[in-house]
Structures are given as structure tokens and as C-alpha cells.
Protein backbone atom coordinates (compact mmCIF):
# COMPACT_ATOMS: atom_id res chain seq x y z
CA MET A 1 99.68 -90.15 199.72
CA THR A 2 100.87 -93.74 199.96
CA ASP A 3 104.68 -94.04 200.05
CA ARG A 4 106.25 -96.50 197.62
CA TYR A 5 109.00 -99.01 198.37
CA ALA A 6 110.33 -102.06 196.54
CA VAL A 7 112.92 -104.79 196.42
CA ILE A 8 115.14 -104.67 193.34
CA GLY A 9 117.19 -107.54 192.01
CA ASN A 10 117.58 -110.08 189.23
CA PRO A 11 115.96 -112.53 189.75
CA VAL A 12 113.51 -111.21 192.32
CA ALA A 13 110.23 -113.11 191.83
CA HIS A 14 111.10 -115.45 194.71
CA SER A 15 111.67 -112.64 197.22
CA LYS A 16 109.73 -112.79 200.48
CA SER A 17 110.38 -109.09 201.14
CA PRO A 18 106.92 -107.89 200.00
CA VAL A 19 105.25 -110.28 202.46
CA ILE A 20 107.57 -109.18 205.27
CA HIS A 21 107.17 -105.44 204.70
CA ALA A 22 103.41 -105.69 204.23
CA ALA A 23 103.22 -107.35 207.65
CA PHE A 24 105.46 -104.67 209.17
CA ALA A 25 103.31 -101.91 207.63
CA ARG A 26 100.08 -103.40 208.99
CA ALA A 27 101.53 -103.84 212.45
CA THR A 28 102.90 -100.29 212.66
CA HIS A 29 100.03 -98.59 210.79
CA GLN A 30 102.20 -97.20 207.99
CA ASP A 31 100.65 -95.85 204.78
CA MET A 32 102.97 -97.55 202.29
CA GLU A 33 103.08 -100.11 199.50
CA TYR A 34 105.92 -102.47 198.65
CA GLY A 35 106.58 -104.32 195.41
CA ARG A 36 109.18 -106.24 193.40
CA ILE A 37 111.26 -104.78 190.57
CA GLU A 38 113.36 -107.06 188.39
CA ALA A 39 115.95 -104.78 186.82
CA PRO A 40 117.88 -105.74 183.70
CA ARG A 41 121.42 -106.60 184.73
CA ASP A 42 122.78 -103.72 182.64
CA ALA A 43 120.18 -101.13 183.73
CA PHE A 44 120.21 -100.95 187.52
CA ALA A 45 120.83 -97.19 187.77
CA ALA A 46 118.22 -96.38 185.12
CA THR A 47 115.64 -98.56 186.85
CA VAL A 48 116.30 -96.91 190.22
CA ALA A 49 116.09 -93.45 188.63
CA ARG A 50 112.72 -94.32 187.10
CA PHE A 51 111.45 -95.58 190.46
CA ALA A 52 112.56 -92.32 192.11
CA ALA A 53 110.88 -90.25 189.39
CA GLU A 54 107.66 -92.14 190.08
CA GLY A 55 107.83 -91.20 193.76
CA GLY A 56 109.73 -94.16 195.19
CA ARG A 57 111.01 -93.56 198.73
CA GLY A 58 113.18 -96.58 199.42
CA MET A 59 114.49 -99.86 198.08
CA ASN A 60 115.91 -103.13 199.29
CA VAL A 61 118.72 -104.23 197.00
CA THR A 62 119.49 -107.88 196.41
CA VAL A 63 121.81 -109.78 194.07
CA PRO A 64 123.49 -108.82 191.85
CA PHE A 65 123.21 -105.08 192.50
CA LYS A 66 124.64 -104.37 195.98
CA LEU A 67 127.92 -102.99 194.61
CA GLU A 68 126.09 -100.81 192.08
CA ALA A 69 123.84 -99.54 194.86
CA PHE A 70 126.97 -98.60 196.83
CA ALA A 71 128.26 -96.60 193.85
CA LEU A 72 124.86 -94.96 193.34
CA ALA A 73 124.34 -93.76 196.93
CA LYS A 74 125.40 -90.13 197.49
CA SER A 75 125.87 -90.71 201.22
CA LYS A 76 126.38 -93.92 203.16
CA SER A 77 126.31 -95.32 206.69
CA ALA A 78 129.52 -96.39 208.41
CA ARG A 79 128.56 -100.04 208.07
CA ALA A 80 127.89 -99.62 204.35
CA LEU A 81 131.29 -97.98 203.93
CA ALA A 82 132.97 -100.81 205.83
CA ALA A 83 131.12 -103.42 203.78
CA GLY A 84 131.67 -101.70 200.45
CA ALA A 85 128.12 -102.70 199.56
CA VAL A 86 124.59 -101.35 200.02
CA ASN A 87 121.43 -103.40 200.47
CA THR A 88 119.09 -100.59 201.55
CA LEU A 89 118.45 -97.28 199.82
CA LYS A 90 116.50 -94.35 201.26
CA ARG A 91 115.55 -91.29 199.26
CA ASP A 92 117.45 -88.28 200.63
CA GLY A 93 116.62 -85.03 198.88
CA ASP A 94 117.55 -85.49 195.24
CA GLY A 95 119.77 -88.50 195.92
CA TRP A 96 119.95 -91.78 197.81
CA TYR A 97 121.31 -92.67 201.25
CA GLY A 98 122.83 -96.15 201.35
CA ASP A 99 122.96 -98.56 204.28
CA ASN A 100 123.90 -102.19 204.79
CA THR A 101 121.60 -104.00 207.22
CA ASP A 102 122.79 -107.57 206.57
CA GLY A 103 125.26 -107.70 209.44
CA ALA A 104 122.83 -106.16 211.91
CA GLY A 105 120.25 -108.73 210.81
CA VAL A 106 122.63 -111.64 211.41
CA LEU A 107 123.74 -110.30 214.77
CA ARG A 108 120.23 -109.64 216.06
CA ASP A 109 119.01 -113.04 214.91
CA ILE A 110 121.89 -114.89 216.56
CA GLU A 111 121.85 -112.94 219.83
CA ALA A 112 118.21 -111.93 220.34
CA ASN A 113 116.33 -114.76 218.65
CA HIS A 114 118.66 -117.68 219.34
CA GLY A 115 120.15 -116.45 222.60
CA VAL A 116 123.79 -116.87 221.56
CA ALA A 117 125.96 -114.02 222.87
CA LEU A 118 129.09 -113.39 220.82
CA ALA A 119 131.04 -111.49 223.47
CA GLY A 120 134.12 -113.46 224.47
CA ARG A 121 133.45 -116.19 221.89
CA ASP A 122 135.58 -117.41 218.99
CA VAL A 123 133.66 -116.65 215.80
CA LEU A 124 134.38 -117.96 212.30
CA VAL A 125 132.80 -116.63 209.10
CA LEU A 126 133.08 -118.96 206.12
CA GLY A 127 133.42 -117.01 202.88
CA ALA A 128 134.88 -113.70 201.79
CA GLY A 129 132.26 -112.41 199.37
CA GLY A 130 129.67 -109.67 199.72
CA ALA A 131 127.67 -111.47 202.41
CA ALA A 132 130.71 -111.95 204.63
CA ARG A 133 131.89 -108.40 204.01
CA GLY A 134 128.54 -106.99 205.07
CA MET A 135 128.46 -108.73 208.44
CA LEU A 136 131.99 -108.32 209.79
CA LEU A 137 131.66 -104.83 211.31
CA PRO A 138 128.48 -105.61 213.31
CA LEU A 139 129.95 -108.94 214.42
CA ALA A 140 133.12 -107.20 215.60
CA ALA A 141 131.03 -104.69 217.54
CA ALA A 142 129.62 -107.60 219.58
CA ARG A 143 133.14 -108.04 221.08
CA PRO A 144 133.97 -111.65 220.25
CA ARG A 145 137.29 -112.94 221.60
CA THR A 146 138.39 -113.67 218.03
CA LEU A 147 136.78 -113.01 214.67
CA ALA A 148 138.15 -115.01 211.75
CA ILE A 149 137.31 -115.63 208.10
CA ALA A 150 138.21 -118.54 205.84
CA ASN A 151 137.70 -118.83 202.10
CA ARG A 152 138.50 -121.32 199.34
CA THR A 153 140.60 -118.65 197.66
CA ALA A 154 142.88 -117.56 200.47
CA SER A 155 143.87 -114.32 198.75
CA ARG A 156 140.27 -113.07 198.92
CA ALA A 157 140.14 -113.70 202.66
CA ASP A 158 143.48 -111.94 203.10
CA ALA A 159 142.25 -108.95 201.09
CA LEU A 160 139.03 -108.72 203.08
CA ALA A 161 140.92 -108.85 206.39
CA ARG A 162 143.14 -106.00 205.16
CA ASP A 163 140.11 -103.99 204.05
CA MET A 164 138.53 -104.43 207.48
CA ALA A 165 141.71 -103.52 209.40
CA PRO A 166 140.76 -99.81 209.82
CA HIS A 167 137.41 -100.86 211.29
CA ALA A 168 137.87 -104.18 213.09
CA LYS A 169 140.43 -106.89 213.83
CA VAL A 170 139.69 -109.81 211.52
CA GLU A 171 141.97 -112.81 211.08
CA ALA A 172 142.18 -114.61 207.73
CA ILE A 173 142.82 -118.33 208.16
CA PRO A 174 143.89 -120.61 205.27
CA LEU A 175 141.67 -123.66 204.84
CA ALA A 176 144.66 -125.90 205.49
CA ALA A 177 145.04 -124.37 208.95
CA LEU A 178 141.42 -124.75 210.01
CA GLY A 179 141.94 -128.28 211.24
CA ALA A 180 143.91 -126.96 214.21
CA ARG A 181 141.26 -124.44 215.30
CA ARG A 182 137.92 -124.67 217.16
CA PHE A 183 135.17 -122.06 217.09
CA ASP A 184 132.12 -121.37 219.24
CA VAL A 185 130.05 -119.75 216.48
CA ILE A 186 130.44 -120.69 212.82
CA ILE A 187 128.55 -118.70 210.17
CA ASN A 188 128.34 -120.01 206.63
CA ALA A 189 128.29 -116.97 204.32
CA THR A 190 129.03 -118.96 201.15
CA SER A 191 126.87 -120.56 198.49
CA ALA A 192 128.43 -123.97 199.13
CA GLY A 193 125.77 -126.63 198.95
CA LEU A 194 123.19 -124.60 197.05
CA THR A 195 123.71 -126.64 193.91
CA GLY A 196 123.25 -130.04 195.53
CA ASP A 197 125.20 -132.39 197.74
CA VAL A 198 128.86 -131.55 197.24
CA ALA A 199 131.92 -132.07 199.39
CA LEU A 200 132.25 -129.11 201.71
CA PRO A 201 135.82 -127.81 202.02
CA TRP A 202 135.99 -127.41 205.80
CA PRO A 203 137.09 -129.93 208.44
CA ALA A 204 134.37 -131.16 210.78
CA THR A 205 136.67 -130.34 213.69
CA ILE A 206 136.07 -126.58 213.43
CA PHE A 207 133.11 -126.90 215.83
CA ALA A 208 134.03 -126.45 219.49
CA PRO A 209 131.99 -128.32 222.12
CA GLY A 210 128.61 -126.59 222.41
CA ALA A 211 129.14 -124.69 219.16
CA PHE A 212 126.39 -122.82 217.32
CA ALA A 213 126.19 -123.28 213.53
CA TYR A 214 124.43 -120.66 211.40
CA ASP A 215 123.75 -120.65 207.67
CA ILE A 216 122.68 -117.37 206.07
CA VAL A 217 120.71 -119.38 203.49
CA TYR A 218 117.15 -120.17 204.54
CA ALA A 219 115.22 -123.26 203.51
CA ASP A 220 112.33 -125.43 204.67
CA THR A 221 114.72 -128.34 205.18
CA PRO A 222 118.22 -128.24 206.74
CA THR A 223 120.88 -126.89 204.37
CA LEU A 224 123.92 -128.93 203.45
CA PHE A 225 126.04 -126.90 205.86
CA LEU A 226 123.65 -127.47 208.74
CA ARG A 227 123.54 -131.21 207.98
CA PHE A 228 127.35 -131.13 207.98
CA ALA A 229 127.31 -129.43 211.38
CA LYS A 230 124.81 -131.90 212.84
CA ASP A 231 126.87 -134.83 211.57
CA ALA A 232 129.81 -133.29 213.46
CA GLY A 233 127.79 -133.36 216.68
CA VAL A 234 126.47 -129.78 216.71
CA THR A 235 123.07 -129.56 218.37
CA ARG A 236 122.42 -125.82 218.09
CA CYS A 237 121.84 -124.78 214.48
CA ALA A 238 119.83 -122.17 212.59
CA ASP A 239 119.29 -121.07 209.02
CA GLY A 240 119.05 -117.52 207.70
CA LEU A 241 115.31 -116.88 207.79
CA GLY A 242 115.83 -114.76 210.88
CA MET A 243 118.58 -112.79 209.17
CA LEU A 244 116.18 -112.02 206.31
CA ILE A 245 113.48 -110.82 208.67
CA GLU A 246 115.76 -108.86 211.01
CA GLN A 247 117.67 -107.08 208.24
CA ALA A 248 114.30 -106.13 206.75
CA ALA A 249 113.19 -104.71 210.11
CA GLU A 250 116.40 -102.70 210.27
CA GLY A 251 115.70 -101.20 206.85
CA PHE A 252 112.06 -100.56 207.72
CA ALA A 253 113.17 -98.61 210.80
CA LEU A 254 115.49 -96.53 208.62
CA TRP A 255 112.63 -95.69 206.25
CA ARG A 256 109.75 -95.23 208.68
CA GLY A 257 111.35 -94.33 212.02
CA VAL A 258 109.80 -97.28 213.87
CA ARG A 259 111.22 -100.77 214.37
CA PRO A 260 108.54 -103.44 213.98
CA ASP A 261 108.17 -106.51 216.15
CA THR A 262 109.59 -109.40 214.12
CA ALA A 263 108.12 -112.34 216.05
CA PRO A 264 104.77 -112.37 214.20
CA VAL A 265 106.58 -112.46 210.85
CA PHE A 266 108.51 -115.56 211.89
CA ALA A 267 105.19 -117.25 212.58
CA LEU A 268 103.85 -116.02 209.23
CA LEU A 269 106.76 -117.34 207.15
CA ARG A 270 107.43 -120.51 209.12
CA PRO A 271 104.34 -121.52 211.09
CA PRO A 272 104.93 -123.82 214.07
CA ARG A 273 104.51 -127.46 213.19
CA ALA A 274 101.53 -129.21 214.72
């Protein structure tokens, strides 16, 4: 019997997850199907329950439901507990097991695909929302020299650093103090720039010589943050397509017990230019 999986969100029609997981299934010879489910914003739990009743085995959870997925999961991974959010659900008996693969996806993309080791480096995460929260524990596990966060609303960064204190040492830096600091790896985990060309709130001096700039947003053209980094002299930049693919592979391994090779999916979603 074919196992059923899906991505759930609102909106979700744009999601590349079905393409990614179909490629993974073909490559690893898994008998499974994967679809999209757009849940009403006030009916996440009911939609998930219906999917389970119809035989659903696992779900990827995207905006705006990651906090609701956390509340729904009966048991959770350590990284989901640290993040306070769930982006992957696996059917476990009569309930759901919740995981958060976002941070593992970012880390694997940066280190394995782009060859940037975080150990001994100064790392800055821009933002203090769900995306930033999900990646801090895996980033800390890579043993950077320092791991810092900065956010427009300083109180949110302070609160996140306090929440992470039992799990990892994270420094919250006020925006006004960023001008005096330099970082080797800068990760944009905010939505700044998604609504057009706006003034970004960070000083261009945050990039240390030889810095690597990473935006979790993926696009066919450089994002506003990556253009900002290049204007500041940064030559090593990447968007979040790899994060999307690698976090999906992490979830696929949780569901199916095999981790697929991600390289062919990169070529599928972003073919090399002639």
C-alpha cells in the first residue's frame, strides 16, 4: 500500500516540496505519494486529523502552522523542543512525533554544499522569529567561536537568547552595537527585502574579510540581502534553496529511514546555466 505524505500550509500552492520528495522517492525506490494541503488558518488540527484518518504517515509543516504543529505533537525531538516549533510530523502510533529540520538543513547546506565550516568562526543570525529559533541549536552544535543574534525589536532577540540559554550560548546584540562587530558567517533569517527594495537595518560593516553571506530565502535572482552583501564586498554568497532541499532530506530520512542524495535535486530545481 502506497504511503501518503504532504506539505501543509497556507498558502501552499507555490511549494516545491512535492517535486523534491517525488525525486527522493524515485531515487530511493520508496512506495509513497506526496501532495499539498492548504489548511484553513483556523482549522490546522482538524485538517491534520483528517489526513491521519485517511492514512497519512507524515507531513511537512510550513507557515503559518509551525507553532500549532508543535502543540499538536505528542512527542518531540530535542531540536524541536529547543526551537519551540515543528516543521516535520511523523505518525507515531495514534499520535504525531514532531521534529524541526530547518536548522539541520541550513547547517548541512552551509558546511557540506558550500564548504564553509562554522567551527571557530563568528556567526551572526539576523532575526529572532521562528526561522532563527529553529536554526540556533544546530548552529551551536557546529562549535562556532561566537553565535549571536540581532533583531529590529531588541527585546525579541533578548528573549530568544534567554530561551536558548539551557541549550546553547547565544548572544543578543542590539542593532546600534552591530557597527562595532565583524562576523565570518552572516545568515539572514528575516523577511527583510521580500516586499521590494527597502533600506535594510544593518550596517555594511558587519561582514568580516572573507565573510560568507547566506539568505534563507531562495530566488532565481539575488535577494536584497545578498545584493547588500555583495555591495559591501562579500564574494561568497548563497540563497536558501539548499536549506529547502537539505531540510527536506532530513525529514525524508526521518520518515523512510534512508537519507537521499540531494545533489540531483539541486540540478532539477536550478539547472546549470549554459
